[in-house]
Protein backbone atom coordinates (compact mmCIF):
# COMPACT_ATOMS: atom_id res chain seq x y z
CA MET A 1 0.00 0.00 0.00
CA LYS A 2 1.36 3.40 -0.98
CA LYS A 3 2.36 5.56 1.96
CA GLU A 4 0.43 8.81 2.14
CA LYS A 5 2.60 11.91 1.96
CA LYS A 6 2.66 13.88 5.19
CA LYS A 7 1.06 17.29 4.84
CA ALA A 8 3.06 20.40 5.70
CA THR A 9 2.18 22.04 8.99
CA LEU A 10 0.98 25.64 9.24
CA ALA A 11 4.41 26.71 10.52
CA GLN A 12 6.13 25.04 7.56
CA ARG A 13 3.76 26.69 5.09
CA ILE A 14 4.28 30.08 6.72
CA ASN A 15 8.07 29.68 6.47
CA VAL A 16 7.83 28.97 2.76
CA LEU A 17 5.45 31.91 2.35
CA ARG A 18 7.93 34.06 4.27
CA ALA A 19 10.66 33.03 1.82
CA SER A 20 8.36 34.02 -1.05
CA VAL A 21 7.52 37.44 0.41
CA MET A 22 11.13 38.24 1.29
CA GLY A 23 12.28 37.03 -2.12
CA ALA A 24 9.81 39.35 -3.84
CA ASN A 25 10.80 42.20 -1.55
CA ASP A 26 14.50 41.68 -2.30
CA GLY A 27 13.74 41.44 -5.99
CA ILE A 28 11.92 44.77 -5.96
CA LEU A 29 14.58 46.51 -3.89
CA SER A 30 17.70 45.04 -5.50
CA VAL A 31 16.69 45.55 -9.11
CA ALA A 32 15.20 48.99 -8.37
CA GLY A 33 18.53 50.03 -6.89
CA ILE A 34 20.40 48.74 -9.94
CA VAL A 35 18.21 50.27 -12.65
CA VAL A 36 17.76 53.60 -10.88
CA GLY A 37 21.52 53.79 -10.32
CA VAL A 38 22.24 53.07 -13.98
CA ALA A 39 19.53 55.57 -15.00
CA GLY A 40 21.40 58.20 -13.02
CA ALA A 41 24.53 57.54 -15.08
CA ALA A 42 23.12 56.71 -18.53
CA THR A 43 20.13 57.55 -20.70
CA SER A 44 20.25 54.40 -22.83
CA SER A 45 17.12 52.31 -22.21
CA PHE A 46 18.98 49.25 -23.46
CA ALA A 47 21.82 49.70 -20.96
CA ILE A 48 19.31 50.13 -18.13
CA PHE A 49 17.34 47.08 -19.26
CA ILE A 50 20.41 44.85 -19.58
CA SER A 51 21.70 45.88 -16.15
CA GLY A 52 18.30 45.10 -14.67
CA ILE A 53 18.16 41.67 -16.33
CA ALA A 54 21.67 40.88 -15.08
CA GLY A 55 20.67 41.90 -11.56
CA MET A 56 17.53 39.81 -11.77
CA ILE A 57 19.40 36.66 -12.83
CA ALA A 58 22.17 37.12 -10.27
CA GLY A 59 19.71 37.88 -7.49
CA THR A 60 17.51 34.91 -8.34
CA VAL A 61 20.41 32.47 -8.10
CA SER A 62 21.75 34.14 -4.95
CA MET A 63 18.41 34.14 -3.15
CA ALA A 64 17.64 30.53 -4.04
CA MET A 65 21.04 29.29 -2.92
CA GLY A 66 20.91 31.47 0.19
CA GLU A 67 17.57 30.04 1.27
CA TYR A 68 18.73 26.49 0.59
CA VAL A 69 21.90 26.92 2.66
CA SER A 70 20.26 28.81 5.53
CA VAL A 71 17.36 26.36 5.90
CA ASN A 72 19.75 23.41 5.87
CA ALA A 73 21.90 25.13 8.49
CA GLU A 74 18.80 25.62 10.64
CA LYS A 75 17.89 21.95 10.24
CA ASP A 76 21.41 20.90 11.26
CA ALA A 77 21.15 23.03 14.40
CA GLN A 78 17.76 21.50 15.21
CA ARG A 79 19.08 17.95 14.75
CA LYS A 80 22.00 18.76 17.05
CA ALA A 81 19.57 20.09 19.67
CA ILE A 82 17.57 16.86 19.47
CA GLU A 83 20.71 14.76 19.90
CA THR A 84 21.75 16.87 22.90
CA GLN A 85 18.33 16.56 24.47
CA THR A 86 18.21 12.80 23.92
CA VAL A 87 21.43 12.43 25.89
CA ALA A 88 20.17 14.82 28.59
CA LEU A 89 17.02 12.74 29.08
CA ASP A 90 19.04 9.53 29.36
CA ASN A 91 21.46 11.03 31.89
CA ASP A 92 19.20 13.32 33.95
CA TYR A 93 15.49 12.75 33.36
CA ASP A 94 14.55 14.30 36.72
CA GLY A 95 16.48 17.44 35.91
CA GLU A 96 14.71 17.79 32.56
CA PHE A 97 11.36 17.20 34.23
CA ALA A 98 12.16 19.92 36.76
CA PHE A 99 13.10 22.31 33.96
CA VAL A 100 9.74 21.81 32.23
CA ARG A 101 7.81 22.13 35.49
CA ASP A 102 9.70 25.28 36.50
CA LYS A 103 9.06 26.84 33.12
CA TYR A 104 5.34 26.24 33.54
CA LEU A 105 5.57 27.73 37.03
CA ALA A 106 7.34 30.81 35.67
CA SER A 107 4.47 31.34 33.22
CA GLY A 108 2.08 31.80 36.15
CA ILE A 109 0.53 28.33 36.43
CA ARG A 110 -0.25 27.18 39.96
CA PRO A 111 2.32 24.68 41.38
CA GLU A 112 -0.03 21.70 41.44
CA LEU A 113 -1.19 22.33 37.88
CA ALA A 114 2.36 22.93 36.68
CA ASP A 115 3.44 19.62 38.18
CA GLN A 116 0.48 17.80 36.65
CA ALA A 117 1.02 19.35 33.22
CA ALA A 118 4.72 18.51 33.28
CA ARG A 119 4.01 14.90 34.23
CA GLU A 120 1.42 14.49 31.47
CA MET A 121 3.58 16.09 28.80
CA MET A 122 6.71 14.19 29.81
CA SER A 123 4.90 10.84 29.99
CA GLU A 124 3.45 11.38 26.52
CA ASP A 125 6.70 12.36 24.73
CA PRO A 126 9.60 13.63 26.86
CA LEU A 127 11.84 14.37 23.87
CA LYS A 128 9.30 16.52 22.05
CA THR A 129 8.34 18.25 25.27
CA THR A 130 11.85 19.17 26.38
CA VAL A 131 13.00 20.16 22.89
CA ARG A 132 10.00 22.45 22.53
CA GLU A 133 10.46 24.02 25.96
CA ARG A 134 14.25 24.38 25.76
CA PHE A 135 14.78 25.24 22.10
CA GLY A 136 11.42 26.55 20.90
CA PHE A 137 10.69 24.26 17.95
CA ASN A 138 8.66 21.12 17.38
CA VAL A 139 10.45 17.88 16.56
CA GLY A 140 9.68 16.80 13.00
CA GLU A 141 8.49 20.21 11.81
CA TYR A 142 11.28 21.35 9.54
CA THR A 143 11.11 23.77 6.64
CA ASN A 144 11.88 22.02 3.36
CA PRO A 145 15.04 23.66 1.93
CA TYR A 146 13.98 22.84 -1.62
CA SER A 147 10.57 24.46 -1.12
CA ALA A 148 12.17 27.58 0.36
CA ALA A 149 14.74 27.77 -2.47
CA ILE A 150 12.09 27.33 -5.19
CA ALA A 151 9.84 29.91 -3.53
CA SER A 152 12.68 32.45 -3.56
CA MET A 153 13.69 31.49 -7.09
CA ILE A 154 10.18 32.30 -8.33
CA SER A 155 9.40 35.32 -6.15
CA PHE A 156 12.66 37.25 -6.68
CA PRO A 157 12.29 37.68 -10.47
CA THR A 158 8.55 38.26 -10.01
CA GLY A 159 9.32 41.20 -7.73
CA SER A 160 12.06 42.37 -10.10
CA ILE A 161 9.63 42.75 -12.98
CA LEU A 162 7.96 45.87 -11.54
CA PRO A 163 10.98 48.22 -11.37
CA LEU A 164 12.40 46.74 -14.57
CA VAL A 165 9.22 47.36 -16.55
CA SER A 166 8.70 50.81 -15.00
CA ILE A 167 12.19 52.09 -15.77
CA THR A 168 12.17 50.60 -19.27
CA LEU A 169 8.72 51.50 -20.58
CA LEU A 170 8.03 54.90 -19.02
CA PRO A 171 9.02 58.04 -20.98
CA GLU A 172 12.53 59.27 -20.17
CA GLN A 173 11.37 62.27 -18.10
CA TRP A 174 9.08 60.04 -16.03
CA ARG A 175 10.97 56.80 -15.70
CA VAL A 176 12.89 57.60 -12.49
CA PRO A 177 10.05 59.26 -10.53
CA GLY A 178 7.58 56.71 -11.93
CA THR A 179 9.81 53.85 -10.79
CA PHE A 180 10.13 55.46 -7.35
CA VAL A 181 6.35 55.53 -6.98
CA ALA A 182 5.85 51.98 -8.28
CA VAL A 183 8.54 50.61 -5.98
CA ILE A 184 7.18 52.44 -2.92
CA ILE A 185 3.73 50.93 -3.51
CA ALA A 186 5.18 47.44 -3.99
CA LEU A 187 7.39 47.72 -0.89
CA SER A 188 4.42 48.88 1.14
CA ILE A 189 2.59 45.68 0.20
CA THR A 190 5.52 43.31 0.86
CA GLY A 191 6.43 45.13 4.08
CA TYR A 192 2.89 44.80 5.37
CA ILE A 193 2.68 41.09 4.49
CA ALA A 194 6.08 40.41 6.10
CA ALA A 195 4.91 42.17 9.28
CA VAL A 196 1.75 40.06 9.34
CA LEU A 197 3.72 36.83 8.92
CA GLY A 198 6.15 37.88 11.63
CA ASN A 199 3.37 39.04 13.93
CA ALA A 200 5.07 42.46 14.08
CA ASN A 201 3.68 45.99 14.10
CA ARG A 202 2.20 46.52 10.63
CA ARG A 203 2.81 50.24 10.45
CA ASN A 204 6.41 50.06 11.65
CA GLY A 205 7.22 47.12 9.41
CA THR A 206 5.76 48.78 6.34
CA THR A 207 7.39 52.13 7.09
CA ARG A 208 10.83 50.60 7.60
CA ASN A 209 10.55 48.69 4.34
CA VAL A 210 9.53 51.78 2.37
CA ILE A 211 12.23 53.97 3.94
CA ALA A 212 14.88 51.35 3.16
CA GLY A 213 13.70 51.26 -0.44
CA ILE A 214 13.69 55.05 -0.81
CA LEU A 215 17.18 55.35 0.68
CA THR A 216 18.48 52.58 -1.58
CA MET A 217 17.15 54.26 -4.71
CA LEU A 218 18.33 57.74 -3.65
CA VAL A 219 21.84 56.50 -2.89
CA THR A 220 22.21 54.47 -6.08
CA TYR A 221 20.74 57.24 -8.23
CA GLY A 222 23.06 59.75 -6.60
CA ILE A 223 26.10 57.56 -7.19
CA GLY A 224 25.03 56.98 -10.79
CA SER A 225 24.61 60.73 -11.32
CA LEU A 226 28.24 61.30 -10.35
CA PHE A 227 29.27 59.34 -13.45
CA ALA A 228 26.78 60.95 -15.83
């Protein structure tokens, strides 16, 4: 009988979605910085377009490989934590039990309830319980490095399209300010989504993202203008 494929957990899906959002955000910001910088130094639409395409390809490969390496590094650290906790349970089960109970006590649970909860959780699965309480992740719930890499590989060039199209197709007198506006709108959207996924303040997250984008474009355009 064919084994049914295990479905991804909500946390795993959110991590892949995070990689997609950040990939799109980096695509917008990186390529916008490149094309606006080149536009400050040159008027040739072809030169601007080629530089943007080069940045898109380089960024796509870099983001995909970066996600693959970072997720694998995270998985290695999690496996090491599990190995460490397995040994700790074999050598000092009572100490690990006390750690879990004390953590529940510190959260405000009454002593008798904390003791009961610790006993129930430890009797059910001591490894999962202690790993979760000590290291903050669930055993078996790992982000797929291939999924994260593919998500970034798709989202980075998707985000890159906006500044590339804006700077290439708009009339010469409008292409820089028009690209600024288009990028600010796009960064507002990705900044807001990233804040939602990270359970952060929406306004602060969006504002930081937009400010970073504006500064990037101003700096690169200014540097490009020095060589005009």
